[in-house]
Amino acid sequence: MDAERYSAFVKAIDLESVLLDGLEATRDWAAFLRPQELDVQFQVGEGTKWEVREGRLEVTTSLVVQAAAVSEGQEGSEEPPALLIRVSFLLVYVYDGEEELASFVAGEGNREIVDAFVARNVPVNVWPYFREIIASVTMRMGLPPLILLRSSSH
């Protein structure tokens, strides 16, 4: 990838909006009736995709948070997760380069530049929104707010 072209692309693109695209949250009420340890796992960005629409770069990305009850001596339990939250956001970027965004993307090697931008910048841009919604949803479920630490991609 051409570092100079990548740098020029980053300078010409700005985040315009972050929109909630989808939210699913379930809680196994019985799992929280007895005190127990929870194993919390999260997966960021699976299925992240981007497209150019109306001169803007639109990126959809997701986060899945799952918590399973940890029972002594039981591994690989088939019980449903105690907590499952799936959230996706649509990030919209505006581009102010020398050419239209669609023309830029069509240029040789430029899809690689956009892919690199999405992989590097989208996780940083969306992480505060993921943290906020997970904390808010867990509180609305009657649980202490689940505060996610920094993403491993940071």
C-alpha atoms as a PDB file:
ATOM      1  CA  MET A   1       0.000   0.000   0.000  1.00  0.00           C
ATOM      2  CA  ASP A   2       1.233   3.455  -0.880  1.00  0.00           C
ATOM      3  CA  ALA A   3       1.744   5.251   2.468  1.00  0.00           C
ATOM      4  CA  GLU A   4       1.557   8.700   0.869  1.00  0.00           C
ATOM      5  CA  ARG A   5      -1.817   7.967  -0.788  1.00  0.00           C
ATOM      6  CA  TYR A   6      -3.092   6.464   2.452  1.00  0.00           C
ATOM      7  CA  SER A   7      -2.079   9.575   4.380  1.00  0.00           C
ATOM      8  CA  ALA A   8      -3.790  11.830   1.816  1.00  0.00           C
ATOM      9  CA  PHE A   9      -6.947   9.696   2.064  1.00  0.00           C
ATOM     10  CA  VAL A  10      -7.009   9.946   5.882  1.00  0.00           C
ATOM     11  CA  LYS A  11      -6.600  13.725   5.699  1.00  0.00           C
ATOM     12  CA  ALA A  12      -9.520  13.991   3.249  1.00  0.00           C
ATOM     13  CA  ILE A  13     -12.052  11.898   5.167  1.00  0.00           C
ATOM     14  CA  ASP A  14     -14.073  12.909   8.234  1.00  0.00           C
ATOM     15  CA  LEU A  15     -16.582  11.126  10.418  1.00  0.00           C
ATOM     16  CA  GLU A  16     -20.002  12.673   9.824  1.00  0.00           C
ATOM     17  CA  SER A  17     -22.259  10.482  11.951  1.00  0.00           C
ATOM     18  CA  VAL A  18     -22.534   7.306  14.001  1.00  0.00           C
ATOM     19  CA  LEU A  19     -25.993   5.735  13.867  1.00  0.00           C
ATOM     20  CA  LEU A  20     -27.401   2.782  15.769  1.00  0.00           C
ATOM     21  CA  ASP A  21     -28.119   0.150  13.120  1.00  0.00           C
ATOM     22  CA  GLY A  22     -29.352  -2.740  15.266  1.00  0.00           C
ATOM     23  CA  LEU A  23     -29.667  -3.914  18.842  1.00  0.00           C
ATOM     24  CA  GLU A  24     -30.622  -7.244  20.376  1.00  0.00           C
ATOM     25  CA  ALA A  25     -30.367  -7.926  24.097  1.00  0.00           C
ATOM     26  CA  THR A  26     -31.417 -10.986  26.051  1.00  0.00           C
ATOM     27  CA  ARG A  27     -30.938 -11.973  29.668  1.00  0.00           C
ATOM     28  CA  ASP A  28     -31.470 -15.344  31.307  1.00  0.00           C
ATOM     29  CA  TRP A  29     -33.190 -14.147  34.474  1.00  0.00           C
ATOM     30  CA  ALA A  30     -32.615 -17.426  36.314  1.00  0.00           C
ATOM     31  CA  ALA A  31     -28.856 -17.159  35.831  1.00  0.00           C
ATOM     32  CA  PHE A  32     -28.814 -14.011  37.962  1.00  0.00           C
ATOM     33  CA  LEU A  33     -30.906 -15.394  40.862  1.00  0.00           C
ATOM     34  CA  ARG A  34     -27.891 -17.036  42.456  1.00  0.00           C
ATOM     35  CA  PRO A  35     -24.503 -15.385  42.992  1.00  0.00           C
ATOM     36  CA  GLN A  36     -21.978 -16.744  40.556  1.00  0.00           C
ATOM     37  CA  GLU A  37     -19.047 -15.730  38.473  1.00  0.00           C
ATOM     38  CA  LEU A  38     -19.653 -14.754  34.859  1.00  0.00           C
ATOM     39  CA  ASP A  39     -17.248 -15.268  31.997  1.00  0.00           C
ATOM     40  CA  VAL A  40     -17.705 -12.211  29.754  1.00  0.00           C
ATOM     41  CA  GLN A  41     -16.499 -12.409  26.169  1.00  0.00           C
ATOM     42  CA  PHE A  42     -16.820  -9.853  23.427  1.00  0.00           C
ATOM     43  CA  GLN A  43     -16.212  -9.931  19.713  1.00  0.00           C
ATOM     44  CA  VAL A  44     -15.678  -6.705  17.793  1.00  0.00           C
ATOM     45  CA  GLY A  45     -16.186  -6.042  14.130  1.00  0.00           C
ATOM     46  CA  GLU A  46     -17.161  -9.442  12.824  1.00  0.00           C
ATOM     47  CA  GLY A  47     -18.757  -8.873   9.446  1.00  0.00           C
ATOM     48  CA  THR A  48     -17.615  -5.258   9.157  1.00  0.00           C
ATOM     49  CA  LYS A  49     -18.391  -4.054   5.654  1.00  0.00           C
ATOM     50  CA  TRP A  50     -18.171  -0.814   3.774  1.00  0.00           C
ATOM     51  CA  GLU A  51     -19.620   0.730   0.647  1.00  0.00           C
ATOM     52  CA  VAL A  52     -19.665   4.060  -1.119  1.00  0.00           C
ATOM     53  CA  ARG A  53     -23.132   5.599  -1.276  1.00  0.00           C
ATOM     54  CA  GLU A  54     -24.021   9.103  -2.437  1.00  0.00           C
ATOM     55  CA  GLY A  55     -20.417  10.250  -2.194  1.00  0.00           C
ATOM     56  CA  ARG A  56     -19.990   9.016   1.379  1.00  0.00           C
ATOM     57  CA  LEU A  57     -18.197   6.047   2.877  1.00  0.00           C
ATOM     58  CA  GLU A  58     -20.676   3.972   4.901  1.00  0.00           C
ATOM     59  CA  VAL A  59     -19.296   1.360   7.279  1.00  0.00           C
ATOM     60  CA  THR A  60     -21.373  -1.117   9.252  1.00  0.00           C
ATOM     61  CA  THR A  61     -19.692  -2.803  12.193  1.00  0.00           C
ATOM     62  CA  SER A  62     -20.845  -4.798  15.189  1.00  0.00           C
ATOM     63  CA  LEU A  63     -20.106  -5.913  18.720  1.00  0.00           C
ATOM     64  CA  VAL A  64     -21.317  -9.070  20.432  1.00  0.00           C
ATOM     65  CA  VAL A  65     -21.087  -9.346  24.224  1.00  0.00           C
ATOM     66  CA  GLN A  66     -21.848 -12.677  25.817  1.00  0.00           C
ATOM     67  CA  ALA A  67     -21.687 -13.678  29.466  1.00  0.00           C
ATOM     68  CA  ALA A  68     -21.877 -17.280  30.598  1.00  0.00           C
ATOM     69  CA  ALA A  69     -22.209 -18.533  34.145  1.00  0.00           C
ATOM     70  CA  VAL A  70     -19.055 -20.224  35.370  1.00  0.00           C
ATOM     71  CA  SER A  71     -19.898 -23.399  37.238  1.00  0.00           C
ATOM     72  CA  GLU A  72     -17.237 -25.417  39.024  1.00  0.00           C
ATOM     73  CA  GLY A  73     -16.390 -28.580  37.151  1.00  0.00           C
ATOM     74  CA  GLN A  74     -18.555 -27.738  34.126  1.00  0.00           C
ATOM     75  CA  GLU A  75     -16.851 -26.850  30.907  1.00  0.00           C
ATOM     76  CA  GLY A  76     -18.578 -26.315  27.599  1.00  0.00           C
ATOM     77  CA  SER A  77     -22.042 -26.045  29.135  1.00  0.00           C
ATOM     78  CA  GLU A  78     -24.946 -26.111  26.699  1.00  0.00           C
ATOM     79  CA  GLU A  79     -26.959 -23.625  28.758  1.00  0.00           C
ATOM     80  CA  PRO A  80     -28.000 -20.402  27.053  1.00  0.00           C
ATOM     81  CA  PRO A  81     -25.800 -17.401  27.834  1.00  0.00           C
ATOM     82  CA  ALA A  82     -26.737 -15.485  30.951  1.00  0.00           C
ATOM     83  CA  LEU A  83     -26.437 -12.301  28.898  1.00  0.00           C
ATOM     84  CA  LEU A  84     -26.255 -11.697  25.171  1.00  0.00           C
ATOM     85  CA  ILE A  85     -26.062  -8.277  23.531  1.00  0.00           C
ATOM     86  CA  ARG A  86     -25.573  -7.708  19.802  1.00  0.00           C
ATOM     87  CA  VAL A  87     -25.219  -4.153  18.595  1.00  0.00           C
ATOM     88  CA  SER A  88     -24.324  -2.712  15.214  1.00  0.00           C
ATOM     89  CA  PHE A  89     -23.563   0.823  14.144  1.00  0.00           C
ATOM     90  CA  LEU A  90     -23.459   2.573  10.795  1.00  0.00           C
ATOM     91  CA  LEU A  91     -20.593   5.056  10.534  1.00  0.00           C
ATOM     92  CA  VAL A  92     -20.848   7.637   7.781  1.00  0.00           C
ATOM     93  CA  TYR A  93     -17.732   9.419   6.558  1.00  0.00           C
ATOM     94  CA  VAL A  94     -17.571  12.386   4.190  1.00  0.00           C
ATOM     95  CA  TYR A  95     -14.719  12.626   1.724  1.00  0.00           C
ATOM     96  CA  ASP A  96     -13.195  15.882   0.503  1.00  0.00           C
ATOM     97  CA  GLY A  97     -10.458  14.633  -1.781  1.00  0.00           C
ATOM     98  CA  GLU A  98      -9.344  15.853  -5.184  1.00  0.00           C
ATOM     99  CA  GLU A  99     -11.671  13.385  -6.892  1.00  0.00           C
ATOM    100  CA  GLU A 100     -15.037  11.891  -5.997  1.00  0.00           C
ATOM    101  CA  LEU A 101     -14.902   9.025  -3.531  1.00  0.00           C
ATOM    102  CA  ALA A 102     -16.318   6.487  -6.020  1.00  0.00           C
ATOM    103  CA  SER A 103     -13.595   7.435  -8.524  1.00  0.00           C
ATOM    104  CA  PHE A 104     -10.925   7.184  -5.843  1.00  0.00           C
ATOM    105  CA  VAL A 105     -12.089   3.721  -4.795  1.00  0.00           C
ATOM    106  CA  ALA A 106     -12.114   2.560  -8.427  1.00  0.00           C
ATOM    107  CA  GLY A 107      -8.437   3.527  -8.809  1.00  0.00           C
ATOM    108  CA  GLU A 108      -5.798   0.820  -8.780  1.00  0.00           C
ATOM    109  CA  GLY A 109      -4.823  -0.171  -5.238  1.00  0.00           C
ATOM    110  CA  ASN A 110      -7.255   2.221  -3.585  1.00  0.00           C
ATOM    111  CA  ARG A 111      -9.661  -0.417  -2.257  1.00  0.00           C
ATOM    112  CA  GLU A 112      -6.701  -1.599  -0.177  1.00  0.00           C
ATOM    113  CA  ILE A 113      -6.361   1.932   1.207  1.00  0.00           C
ATOM    114  CA  VAL A 114     -10.044   2.037   2.189  1.00  0.00           C
ATOM    115  CA  ASP A 115      -9.797  -1.460   3.708  1.00  0.00           C
ATOM    116  CA  ALA A 116      -6.814  -0.331   5.789  1.00  0.00           C
ATOM    117  CA  PHE A 117      -8.656   2.831   6.888  1.00  0.00           C
ATOM    118  CA  VAL A 118     -11.690   0.790   7.948  1.00  0.00           C
ATOM    119  CA  ALA A 119      -9.541  -1.735   9.843  1.00  0.00           C
ATOM    120  CA  ARG A 120      -7.500   0.949  11.637  1.00  0.00           C
ATOM    121  CA  ASN A 121      -9.916   3.820  12.222  1.00  0.00           C
ATOM    122  CA  VAL A 122     -13.420   2.409  12.527  1.00  0.00           C
ATOM    123  CA  PRO A 123     -12.697   0.493  15.779  1.00  0.00           C
ATOM    124  CA  VAL A 124     -11.281   3.669  17.346  1.00  0.00           C
ATOM    125  CA  ASN A 125     -14.200   5.802  16.132  1.00  0.00           C
ATOM    126  CA  VAL A 126     -16.965   3.414  17.242  1.00  0.00           C
ATOM    127  CA  TRP A 127     -15.546   2.120  20.539  1.00  0.00           C
ATOM    128  CA  PRO A 128     -17.004   4.916  22.756  1.00  0.00           C
ATOM    129  CA  TYR A 129     -20.458   4.209  21.287  1.00  0.00           C
ATOM    130  CA  PHE A 130     -20.101   0.479  21.969  1.00  0.00           C
ATOM    131  CA  ARG A 131     -19.035   1.179  25.568  1.00  0.00           C
ATOM    132  CA  GLU A 132     -21.927   3.557  26.169  1.00  0.00           C
ATOM    133  CA  ILE A 133     -24.644   1.306  24.792  1.00  0.00           C
ATOM    134  CA  ILE A 134     -23.415  -1.814  26.591  1.00  0.00           C
ATOM    135  CA  ALA A 135     -23.300   0.049  29.919  1.00  0.00           C
ATOM    136  CA  SER A 136     -26.754   1.529  29.320  1.00  0.00           C
ATOM    137  CA  VAL A 137     -28.372  -1.739  28.209  1.00  0.00           C
ATOM    138  CA  THR A 138     -26.997  -3.732  31.129  1.00  0.00           C
ATOM    139  CA  MET A 139     -28.314  -1.080  33.561  1.00  0.00           C
ATOM    140  CA  ARG A 140     -31.734  -1.228  31.857  1.00  0.00           C
ATOM    141  CA  MET A 141     -31.659  -4.995  32.410  1.00  0.00           C
ATOM    142  CA  GLY A 142     -31.344  -4.386  36.148  1.00  0.00           C
ATOM    143  CA  LEU A 143     -27.658  -5.299  36.249  1.00  0.00           C
ATOM    144  CA  PRO A 144     -24.651  -3.251  37.266  1.00  0.00           C
ATOM    145  CA  PRO A 145     -23.354  -1.399  34.218  1.00  0.00           C
ATOM    146  CA  LEU A 146     -20.913  -3.511  32.246  1.00  0.00           C
ATOM    147  CA  ILE A 147     -18.020  -1.206  31.392  1.00  0.00           C
ATOM    148  CA  LEU A 148     -15.906  -2.521  28.546  1.00  0.00           C
ATOM    149  CA  LEU A 149     -12.240  -1.737  28.732  1.00  0.00           C
ATOM    150  CA  ARG A 150     -10.319  -0.607  25.690  1.00  0.00           C
ATOM    151  CA  SER A 151     -10.728  -2.734  22.605  1.00  0.00           C
ATOM    152  CA  SER A 152      -7.861  -5.108  21.838  1.00  0.00           C
ATOM    153  CA  SER A 153      -7.642  -3.369  18.461  1.00  0.00           C
ATOM    154  CA  HIS A 154      -6.590  -0.092  20.174  1.00  0.00           C
END
